[in-house]
């Protein structure tokens, strides 16, 4: 697991206590892309947390961005988010 993925995992676990969390580094798929030139990465996050109950998708995304903090400026160029409450899995 890359250091960036581990940092993302640590922050999301600390802030949102997910019951499920999957993080994929998709940076290799964007080699040569203008946004990848500065060294920041492209990631996909699938997260299930009770913290998302009653929240609209925009609020869930904002919660993920807030949990990641400055990583959004220093390490992450693009982030695809699938955020759900536990009861939305079935």
PDB file of N, CA and C in Angstrom:
ATOM      1  N   UNK A   1       0.844  -1.175   0.000  1.00  0.00           N
ATOM      2  CA  UNK A   1       0.000   0.000   0.000  1.00  0.00           C
ATOM      3  C   UNK A   1       0.888   1.236   0.000  1.00  0.00           C
ATOM      4  N   UNK A   2       0.563   2.187  -0.849  1.00  0.00           N
ATOM      5  CA  UNK A   2       1.380   3.391  -0.948  1.00  0.00           C
ATOM      6  C   UNK A   2       1.184   4.273   0.285  1.00  0.00           C
ATOM      7  N   UNK A   3       2.152   5.134   0.518  1.00  0.00           N
ATOM      8  CA  UNK A   3       2.084   6.056   1.654  1.00  0.00           C
ATOM      9  C   UNK A   3       0.866   6.971   1.525  1.00  0.00           C
ATOM     10  N   UNK A   4       0.551   7.400   0.317  1.00  0.00           N
ATOM     11  CA  UNK A   4      -0.617   8.261   0.124  1.00  0.00           C
ATOM     12  C   UNK A   4      -1.907   7.538   0.458  1.00  0.00           C
ATOM     13  N   UNK A   5      -2.036   6.323   0.007  1.00  0.00           N
ATOM     14  CA  UNK A   5      -3.240   5.541   0.296  1.00  0.00           C
ATOM     15  C   UNK A   5      -3.358   5.341   1.802  1.00  0.00           C
ATOM     16  N   UNK A   6      -2.257   5.075   2.465  1.00  0.00           N
ATOM     17  CA  UNK A   6      -2.275   4.889   3.917  1.00  0.00           C
ATOM     18  C   UNK A   6      -2.694   6.175   4.631  1.00  0.00           C
ATOM     19  N   UNK A   7      -2.217   7.322   4.175  1.00  0.00           N
ATOM     20  CA  UNK A   7      -2.620   8.603   4.764  1.00  0.00           C
ATOM     21  C   UNK A   7      -4.110   8.843   4.572  1.00  0.00           C
ATOM     22  N   UNK A   8      -4.601   8.571   3.389  1.00  0.00           N
ATOM     23  CA  UNK A   8      -6.032   8.729   3.109  1.00  0.00           C
ATOM     24  C   UNK A   8      -6.833   7.822   4.038  1.00  0.00           C
ATOM     25  N   UNK A   9      -6.404   6.558   4.144  1.00  0.00           N
ATOM     26  CA  UNK A   9      -7.092   5.585   5.002  1.00  0.00           C
ATOM     27  C   UNK A   9      -7.122   6.063   6.465  1.00  0.00           C
ATOM     28  N   UNK A  10      -5.987   6.486   6.967  1.00  0.00           N
ATOM     29  CA  UNK A  10      -5.907   6.926   8.364  1.00  0.00           C
ATOM     30  C   UNK A  10      -6.852   8.083   8.644  1.00  0.00           C
ATOM     31  N   UNK A  11      -6.895   9.049   7.759  1.00  0.00           N
ATOM     32  CA  UNK A  11      -7.740  10.227   7.975  1.00  0.00           C
ATOM     33  C   UNK A  11      -9.221   9.896   7.889  1.00  0.00           C
ATOM     34  N   UNK A  12      -9.596   9.061   6.927  1.00  0.00           N
ATOM     35  CA  UNK A  12     -11.006   8.701   6.794  1.00  0.00           C
ATOM     36  C   UNK A  12     -11.477   7.842   7.970  1.00  0.00           C
ATOM     37  N   UNK A  13     -10.638   6.933   8.421  1.00  0.00           N
ATOM     38  CA  UNK A  13     -10.991   6.098   9.573  1.00  0.00           C
ATOM     39  C   UNK A  13     -11.154   6.965  10.820  1.00  0.00           C
ATOM     40  N   UNK A  14     -10.225   7.882  11.036  1.00  0.00           N
ATOM     41  CA  UNK A  14     -10.279   8.738  12.228  1.00  0.00           C
ATOM     42  C   UNK A  14     -11.512   9.640  12.226  1.00  0.00           C
ATOM     43  N   UNK A  15     -11.871  10.178  11.070  1.00  0.00           N
ATOM     44  CA  UNK A  15     -12.960  11.155  11.009  1.00  0.00           C
ATOM     45  C   UNK A  15     -14.338  10.532  10.846  1.00  0.00           C
ATOM     46  N   UNK A  16     -14.431   9.408  10.132  1.00  0.00           N
ATOM     47  CA  UNK A  16     -15.745   8.887   9.760  1.00  0.00           C
ATOM     48  C   UNK A  16     -16.041   7.473  10.255  1.00  0.00           C
ATOM     49  N   UNK A  17     -15.081   6.817  10.888  1.00  0.00           N
ATOM     50  CA  UNK A  17     -15.265   5.466  11.437  1.00  0.00           C
ATOM     51  C   UNK A  17     -16.035   4.550  10.486  1.00  0.00           C
ATOM     52  N   UNK A  18     -15.529   4.353   9.276  1.00  0.00           N
ATOM     53  CA  UNK A  18     -16.279   3.554   8.301  1.00  0.00           C
ATOM     54  C   UNK A  18     -16.359   2.074   8.672  1.00  0.00           C
ATOM     55  N   UNK A  19     -17.479   1.455   8.296  1.00  0.00           N
ATOM     56  CA  UNK A  19     -17.617   0.007   8.456  1.00  0.00           C
ATOM     57  C   UNK A  19     -16.991  -0.701   7.264  1.00  0.00           C
ATOM     58  N   UNK A  20     -16.892   0.015   6.145  1.00  0.00           N
ATOM     59  CA  UNK A  20     -16.218  -0.497   4.947  1.00  0.00           C
ATOM     60  C   UNK A  20     -15.457   0.652   4.311  1.00  0.00           C
ATOM     61  N   UNK A  21     -14.267   0.351   3.809  1.00  0.00           N
ATOM     62  CA  UNK A  21     -13.460   1.372   3.156  1.00  0.00           C
ATOM     63  C   UNK A  21     -12.535   0.715   2.138  1.00  0.00           C
ATOM     64  N   UNK A  22     -12.628   1.177   0.914  1.00  0.00           N
ATOM     65  CA  UNK A  22     -11.731   0.711  -0.149  1.00  0.00           C
ATOM     66  C   UNK A  22     -11.162   1.944  -0.841  1.00  0.00           C
ATOM     67  N   UNK A  23      -9.858   1.953  -1.019  1.00  0.00           N
ATOM     68  CA  UNK A  23      -9.180   3.071  -1.665  1.00  0.00           C
ATOM     69  C   UNK A  23      -8.338   2.518  -2.798  1.00  0.00           C
ATOM     70  N   UNK A  24      -8.528   3.080  -3.968  1.00  0.00           N
ATOM     71  CA  UNK A  24      -7.769   2.643  -5.139  1.00  0.00           C
ATOM     72  C   UNK A  24      -6.970   3.813  -5.697  1.00  0.00           C
ATOM     73  N   UNK A  25      -5.691   3.599  -5.891  1.00  0.00           N
ATOM     74  CA  UNK A  25      -4.832   4.603  -6.514  1.00  0.00           C
ATOM     75  C   UNK A  25      -4.921   4.395  -8.022  1.00  0.00           C
ATOM     76  N   UNK A  26      -5.532   5.341  -8.703  1.00  0.00           N
ATOM     77  CA  UNK A  26      -5.708   5.267 -10.151  1.00  0.00           C
ATOM     78  C   UNK A  26      -4.740   6.175 -10.892  1.00  0.00           C
ATOM     79  N   UNK A  27      -3.717   6.629 -10.230  1.00  0.00           N
ATOM     80  CA  UNK A  27      -2.776   7.591 -10.820  1.00  0.00           C
ATOM     81  C   UNK A  27      -2.141   7.064 -12.103  1.00  0.00           C
ATOM     82  N   UNK A  28      -1.848   5.774 -12.141  1.00  0.00           N
ATOM     83  CA  UNK A  28      -1.209   5.192 -13.325  1.00  0.00           C
ATOM     84  C   UNK A  28      -2.079   5.333 -14.578  1.00  0.00           C
ATOM     85  N   UNK A  29      -3.382   5.438 -14.389  1.00  0.00           N
ATOM     86  CA  UNK A  29      -4.297   5.589 -15.525  1.00  0.00           C
ATOM     87  C   UNK A  29      -4.292   7.010 -16.095  1.00  0.00           C
ATOM     88  N   UNK A  30      -3.660   7.923 -15.383  1.00  0.00           N
ATOM     89  CA  UNK A  30      -3.681   9.331 -15.781  1.00  0.00           C
ATOM     90  C   UNK A  30      -2.288   9.866 -16.108  1.00  0.00           C
ATOM     91  N   UNK A  31      -1.359   8.981 -16.341  1.00  0.00           N
ATOM     92  CA  UNK A  31      -0.004   9.402 -16.697  1.00  0.00           C
ATOM     93  C   UNK A  31      -0.068  10.295 -17.932  1.00  0.00           C
ATOM     94  N   UNK A  32       0.612  11.422 -17.866  1.00  0.00           N
ATOM     95  CA  UNK A  32       0.620  12.355 -18.970  1.00  0.00           C
ATOM     96  C   UNK A  32      -0.508  13.367 -18.929  1.00  0.00           C
ATOM     97  N   UNK A  33      -1.501  13.115 -18.084  1.00  0.00           N
ATOM     98  CA  UNK A  33      -2.626  14.032 -17.913  1.00  0.00           C
ATOM     99  C   UNK A  33      -2.117  15.321 -17.270  1.00  0.00           C
ATOM    100  N   UNK A  34      -2.629  16.442 -17.706  1.00  0.00           N
ATOM    101  CA  UNK A  34      -2.162  17.737 -17.205  1.00  0.00           C
ATOM    102  C   UNK A  34      -2.217  17.812 -15.686  1.00  0.00           C
ATOM    103  N   UNK A  35      -3.254  17.264 -15.078  1.00  0.00           N
ATOM    104  CA  UNK A  35      -3.387  17.309 -13.632  1.00  0.00           C
ATOM    105  C   UNK A  35      -2.420  16.416 -12.896  1.00  0.00           C
ATOM    106  N   UNK A  36      -1.824  15.464 -13.581  1.00  0.00           N
ATOM    107  CA  UNK A  36      -0.897  14.541 -12.939  1.00  0.00           C
ATOM    108  C   UNK A  36       0.536  15.049 -12.968  1.00  0.00           C
ATOM    109  N   UNK A  37       0.795  16.085 -13.713  1.00  0.00           N
ATOM    110  CA  UNK A  37       2.170  16.580 -13.869  1.00  0.00           C
ATOM    111  C   UNK A  37       2.773  17.133 -12.588  1.00  0.00           C
ATOM    112  N   UNK A  38       1.919  17.621 -11.697  1.00  0.00           N
ATOM    113  CA  UNK A  38       2.441  18.198 -10.452  1.00  0.00           C
ATOM    114  C   UNK A  38       2.734  17.151  -9.393  1.00  0.00           C
ATOM    115  N   UNK A  39       2.515  15.884  -9.703  1.00  0.00           N
ATOM    116  CA  UNK A  39       2.841  14.808  -8.781  1.00  0.00           C
ATOM    117  C   UNK A  39       1.704  14.372  -7.874  1.00  0.00           C
ATOM    118  N   UNK A  40       0.605  15.095  -7.896  1.00  0.00           N
ATOM    119  CA  UNK A  40      -0.539  14.681  -7.079  1.00  0.00           C
ATOM    120  C   UNK A  40      -1.253  13.523  -7.764  1.00  0.00           C
ATOM    121  N   UNK A  41      -1.969  12.717  -6.989  1.00  0.00           N
ATOM    122  CA  UNK A  41      -2.549  11.502  -7.524  1.00  0.00           C
ATOM    123  C   UNK A  41      -4.045  11.541  -7.763  1.00  0.00           C
ATOM    124  N   UNK A  42      -4.505  10.504  -8.447  1.00  0.00           N
ATOM    125  CA  UNK A  42      -5.916  10.274  -8.731  1.00  0.00           C
ATOM    126  C   UNK A  42      -6.341   9.053  -7.910  1.00  0.00           C
ATOM    127  N   UNK A  43      -7.422   9.193  -7.138  1.00  0.00           N
ATOM    128  CA  UNK A  43      -7.850   8.119  -6.255  1.00  0.00           C
ATOM    129  C   UNK A  43      -9.348   7.897  -6.351  1.00  0.00           C
ATOM    130  N   UNK A  44      -9.767   6.675  -6.007  1.00  0.00           N
ATOM    131  CA  UNK A  44     -11.182   6.308  -5.936  1.00  0.00           C
ATOM    132  C   UNK A  44     -11.418   5.769  -4.528  1.00  0.00           C
ATOM    133  N   UNK A  45     -12.452   6.289  -3.856  1.00  0.00           N
ATOM    134  CA  UNK A  45     -12.782   5.887  -2.493  1.00  0.00           C
ATOM    135  C   UNK A  45     -14.207   5.353  -2.457  1.00  0.00           C
ATOM    136  N   UNK A  46     -14.366   4.175  -1.891  1.00  0.00           N
ATOM    137  CA  UNK A  46     -15.684   3.626  -1.598  1.00  0.00           C
ATOM    138  C   UNK A  46     -15.744   3.519  -0.081  1.00  0.00           C
ATOM    139  N   UNK A  47     -16.694   4.236   0.520  1.00  0.00           N
ATOM    140  CA  UNK A  47     -16.756   4.308   1.970  1.00  0.00           C
ATOM    141  C   UNK A  47     -18.187   4.141   2.438  1.00  0.00           C
ATOM    142  N   UNK A  48     -18.355   3.331   3.483  1.00  0.00           N
ATOM    143  CA  UNK A  48     -19.648   3.114   4.107  1.00  0.00           C
ATOM    144  C   UNK A  48     -19.502   3.544   5.564  1.00  0.00           C
ATOM    145  N   UNK A  49     -20.338   4.484   5.990  1.00  0.00           N
ATOM    146  CA  UNK A  49     -20.236   4.997   7.354  1.00  0.00           C
ATOM    147  C   UNK A  49     -21.609   5.418   7.869  1.00  0.00           C
ATOM    148  N   UNK A  50     -21.845   5.129   9.132  1.00  0.00           N
ATOM    149  CA  UNK A  50     -23.076   5.582   9.770  1.00  0.00           C
ATOM    150  C   UNK A  50     -23.130   7.107   9.820  1.00  0.00           C
ATOM    151  N   UNK A  51     -21.985   7.753   9.724  1.00  0.00           N
ATOM    152  CA  UNK A  51     -21.928   9.219   9.736  1.00  0.00           C
ATOM    153  C   UNK A  51     -22.672   9.822   8.549  1.00  0.00           C
ATOM    154  N   UNK A  52     -22.925   9.041   7.507  1.00  0.00           N
ATOM    155  CA  UNK A  52     -23.594   9.542   6.312  1.00  0.00           C
ATOM    156  C   UNK A  52     -25.120   9.431   6.380  1.00  0.00           C
ATOM    157  N   UNK A  53     -25.643   8.839   7.447  1.00  0.00           N
ATOM    158  CA  UNK A  53     -27.101   8.692   7.569  1.00  0.00           C
ATOM    159  C   UNK A  53     -27.779  10.053   7.481  1.00  0.00           C
ATOM    160  N   UNK A  54     -28.787  10.143   6.628  1.00  0.00           N
ATOM    161  CA  UNK A  54     -29.568  11.354   6.505  1.00  0.00           C
ATOM    162  C   UNK A  54     -28.899  12.475   5.733  1.00  0.00           C
ATOM    163  N   UNK A  55     -27.706  12.226   5.203  1.00  0.00           N
ATOM    164  CA  UNK A  55     -26.997  13.261   4.452  1.00  0.00           C
ATOM    165  C   UNK A  55     -27.195  13.077   2.952  1.00  0.00           C
ATOM    166  N   UNK A  56     -27.296  14.198   2.260  1.00  0.00           N
ATOM    167  CA  UNK A  56     -27.326  14.179   0.808  1.00  0.00           C
ATOM    168  C   UNK A  56     -25.911  13.934   0.287  1.00  0.00           C
ATOM    169  N   UNK A  57     -25.772  13.492  -0.967  1.00  0.00           N
ATOM    170  CA  UNK A  57     -24.443  13.209  -1.519  1.00  0.00           C
ATOM    171  C   UNK A  57     -23.444  14.362  -1.378  1.00  0.00           C
ATOM    172  N   UNK A  58     -23.871  15.592  -1.587  1.00  0.00           N
ATOM    173  CA  UNK A  58     -22.951  16.715  -1.478  1.00  0.00           C
ATOM    174  C   UNK A  58     -22.378  16.837  -0.068  1.00  0.00           C
ATOM    175  N   UNK A  59     -23.202  16.650   0.944  1.00  0.00           N
ATOM    176  CA  UNK A  59     -22.730  16.721   2.328  1.00  0.00           C
ATOM    177  C   UNK A  59     -21.754  15.583   2.624  1.00  0.00           C
ATOM    178  N   UNK A  60     -22.003  14.428   2.066  1.00  0.00           N
ATOM    179  CA  UNK A  60     -21.103  13.286   2.256  1.00  0.00           C
ATOM    180  C   UNK A  60     -19.735  13.575   1.634  1.00  0.00           C
ATOM    181  N   UNK A  61     -19.746  14.122   0.436  1.00  0.00           N
ATOM    182  CA  UNK A  61     -18.488  14.458  -0.233  1.00  0.00           C
ATOM    183  C   UNK A  61     -17.733  15.517   0.553  1.00  0.00           C
ATOM    184  N   UNK A  62     -18.460  16.498   1.049  1.00  0.00           N
ATOM    185  CA  UNK A  62     -17.815  17.538   1.855  1.00  0.00           C
ATOM    186  C   UNK A  62     -17.181  16.948   3.113  1.00  0.00           C
ATOM    187  N   UNK A  63     -17.841  15.974   3.725  1.00  0.00           N
ATOM    188  CA  UNK A  63     -17.292  15.323   4.917  1.00  0.00           C
ATOM    189  C   UNK A  63     -15.998  14.578   4.584  1.00  0.00           C
ATOM    190  N   UNK A  64     -15.966  13.921   3.431  1.00  0.00           N
ATOM    191  CA  UNK A  64     -14.752  13.227   3.002  1.00  0.00           C
ATOM    192  C   UNK A  64     -13.639  14.237   2.740  1.00  0.00           C
ATOM    193  N   UNK A  65     -13.950  15.316   2.021  1.00  0.00           N
ATOM    194  CA  UNK A  65     -12.945  16.346   1.750  1.00  0.00           C
ATOM    195  C   UNK A  65     -12.422  16.949   3.044  1.00  0.00           C
ATOM    196  N   UNK A  66     -13.314  17.212   3.996  1.00  0.00           N
ATOM    197  CA  UNK A  66     -12.895  17.790   5.278  1.00  0.00           C
ATOM    198  C   UNK A  66     -11.972  16.826   6.025  1.00  0.00           C
ATOM    199  N   UNK A  67     -12.287  15.541   5.979  1.00  0.00           N
ATOM    200  CA  UNK A  67     -11.451  14.545   6.651  1.00  0.00           C
ATOM    201  C   UNK A  67     -10.058  14.494   6.038  1.00  0.00           C
ATOM    202  N   UNK A  68      -9.975  14.685   4.734  1.00  0.00           N
ATOM    203  CA  UNK A  68      -8.680  14.612   4.045  1.00  0.00           C
ATOM    204  C   UNK A  68      -7.874  15.894   4.204  1.00  0.00           C
ATOM    205  N   UNK A  69      -8.532  16.989   4.498  1.00  0.00           N
ATOM    206  CA  UNK A  69      -7.839  18.245   4.790  1.00  0.00           C
ATOM    207  C   UNK A  69      -6.862  18.665   3.715  1.00  0.00           C
ATOM    208  N   UNK A  70      -5.656  19.014   4.130  1.00  0.00           N
ATOM    209  CA  UNK A  70      -4.644  19.550   3.209  1.00  0.00           C
ATOM    210  C   UNK A  70      -4.162  18.535   2.173  1.00  0.00           C
ATOM    211  N   UNK A  71      -4.452  17.256   2.369  1.00  0.00           N
ATOM    212  CA  UNK A  71      -4.079  16.270   1.340  1.00  0.00           C
ATOM    213  C   UNK A  71      -4.735  16.605   0.002  1.00  0.00           C
ATOM    214  N   UNK A  72      -5.885  17.281   0.061  1.00  0.00           N
ATOM    215  CA  UNK A  72      -6.572  17.665  -1.169  1.00  0.00           C
ATOM    216  C   UNK A  72      -5.747  18.690  -1.957  1.00  0.00           C
ATOM    217  N   UNK A  73      -4.894  19.437  -1.311  1.00  0.00           N
ATOM    218  CA  UNK A  73      -4.052  20.408  -2.000  1.00  0.00           C
ATOM    219  C   UNK A  73      -2.640  19.881  -2.282  1.00  0.00           C
ATOM    220  N   UNK A  74      -2.168  18.970  -1.431  1.00  0.00           N
ATOM    221  CA  UNK A  74      -0.775  18.540  -1.535  1.00  0.00           C
ATOM    222  C   UNK A  74      -0.573  17.198  -2.225  1.00  0.00           C
ATOM    223  N   UNK A  75      -1.542  16.284  -2.109  1.00  0.00           N
ATOM    224  CA  UNK A  75      -1.328  14.920  -2.594  1.00  0.00           C
ATOM    225  C   UNK A  75      -2.391  14.393  -3.549  1.00  0.00           C
ATOM    226  N   UNK A  76      -3.570  14.999  -3.525  1.00  0.00           N
ATOM    227  CA  UNK A  76      -4.691  14.476  -4.310  1.00  0.00           C
ATOM    228  C   UNK A  76      -5.095  15.480  -5.380  1.00  0.00           C
ATOM    229  N   UNK A  77      -5.033  15.042  -6.631  1.00  0.00           N
ATOM    230  CA  UNK A  77      -5.503  15.886  -7.735  1.00  0.00           C
ATOM    231  C   UNK A  77      -6.970  15.608  -8.036  1.00  0.00           C
ATOM    232  N   UNK A  78      -7.336  14.333  -8.045  1.00  0.00           N
ATOM    233  CA  UNK A  78      -8.704  13.935  -8.363  1.00  0.00           C
ATOM    234  C   UNK A  78      -9.146  12.840  -7.406  1.00  0.00           C
ATOM    235  N   UNK A  79     -10.418  12.913  -7.000  1.00  0.00           N
ATOM    236  CA  UNK A  79     -10.951  11.947  -6.047  1.00  0.00           C
ATOM    237  C   UNK A  79     -12.371  11.576  -6.451  1.00  0.00           C
ATOM    238  N   UNK A  80     -12.581  10.307  -6.792  1.00  0.00           N
ATOM    239  CA  UNK A  80     -13.916   9.788  -7.077  1.00  0.00           C
ATOM    240  C   UNK A  80     -14.434   9.183  -5.775  1.00  0.00           C
ATOM    241  N   UNK A  81     -15.629   9.585  -5.372  1.00  0.00           N
ATOM    242  CA  UNK A  81     -16.164   9.169  -4.075  1.00  0.00           C
ATOM    243  C   UNK A  81     -17.488   8.449  -4.241  1.00  0.00           C
ATOM    244  N   UNK A  82     -17.585   7.273  -3.619  1.00  0.00           N
ATOM    245  CA  UNK A  82     -18.847   6.553  -3.474  1.00  0.00           C
ATOM    246  C   UNK A  82     -19.056   6.440  -1.967  1.00  0.00           C
ATOM    247  N   UNK A  83     -19.920   7.292  -1.405  1.00  0.00           N
ATOM    248  CA  UNK A  83     -20.142   7.352   0.039  1.00  0.00           C
ATOM    249  C   UNK A  83     -21.574   6.948   0.355  1.00  0.00           C
ATOM    250  N   UNK A  84     -21.721   5.948   1.215  1.00  0.00           N
ATOM    251  CA  UNK A  84     -23.053   5.429   1.541  1.00  0.00           C
ATOM    252  C   UNK A  84     -23.190   5.186   3.034  1.00  0.00           C
ATOM    253  N   UNK A  85     -24.423   5.208   3.481  1.00  0.00           N
ATOM    254  CA  UNK A  85     -24.753   4.780   4.835  1.00  0.00           C
ATOM    255  C   UNK A  85     -24.923   3.262   4.800  1.00  0.00           C
ATOM    256  N   UNK A  86     -24.734   2.563   5.925  1.00  0.00           N
ATOM    257  CA  UNK A  86     -24.796   1.089   5.931  1.00  0.00           C
ATOM    258  C   UNK A  86     -26.095   0.524   5.351  1.00  0.00           C
ATOM    259  N   UNK A  87     -27.224   1.130   5.632  1.00  0.00           N
ATOM    260  CA  UNK A  87     -28.498   0.587   5.152  1.00  0.00           C
ATOM    261  C   UNK A  87     -28.691   0.751   3.654  1.00  0.00           C
ATOM    262  N   UNK A  88     -27.837   1.499   2.998  1.00  0.00           N
ATOM    263  CA  UNK A  88     -27.940   1.698   1.550  1.00  0.00           C
ATOM    264  C   UNK A  88     -27.247   0.605   0.740  1.00  0.00           C
ATOM    265  N   UNK A  89     -26.634  -0.338   1.410  1.00  0.00           N
ATOM    266  CA  UNK A  89     -25.924  -1.417   0.721  1.00  0.00           C
ATOM    267  C   UNK A  89     -26.854  -2.495   0.200  1.00  0.00           C
ATOM    268  N   UNK A  90     -28.022  -2.610   0.781  1.00  0.00           N
ATOM    269  CA  UNK A  90     -28.917  -3.712   0.400  1.00  0.00           C
ATOM    270  C   UNK A  90     -30.167  -3.213  -0.233  1.00  0.00           C
TER     271      UNK A  90
END
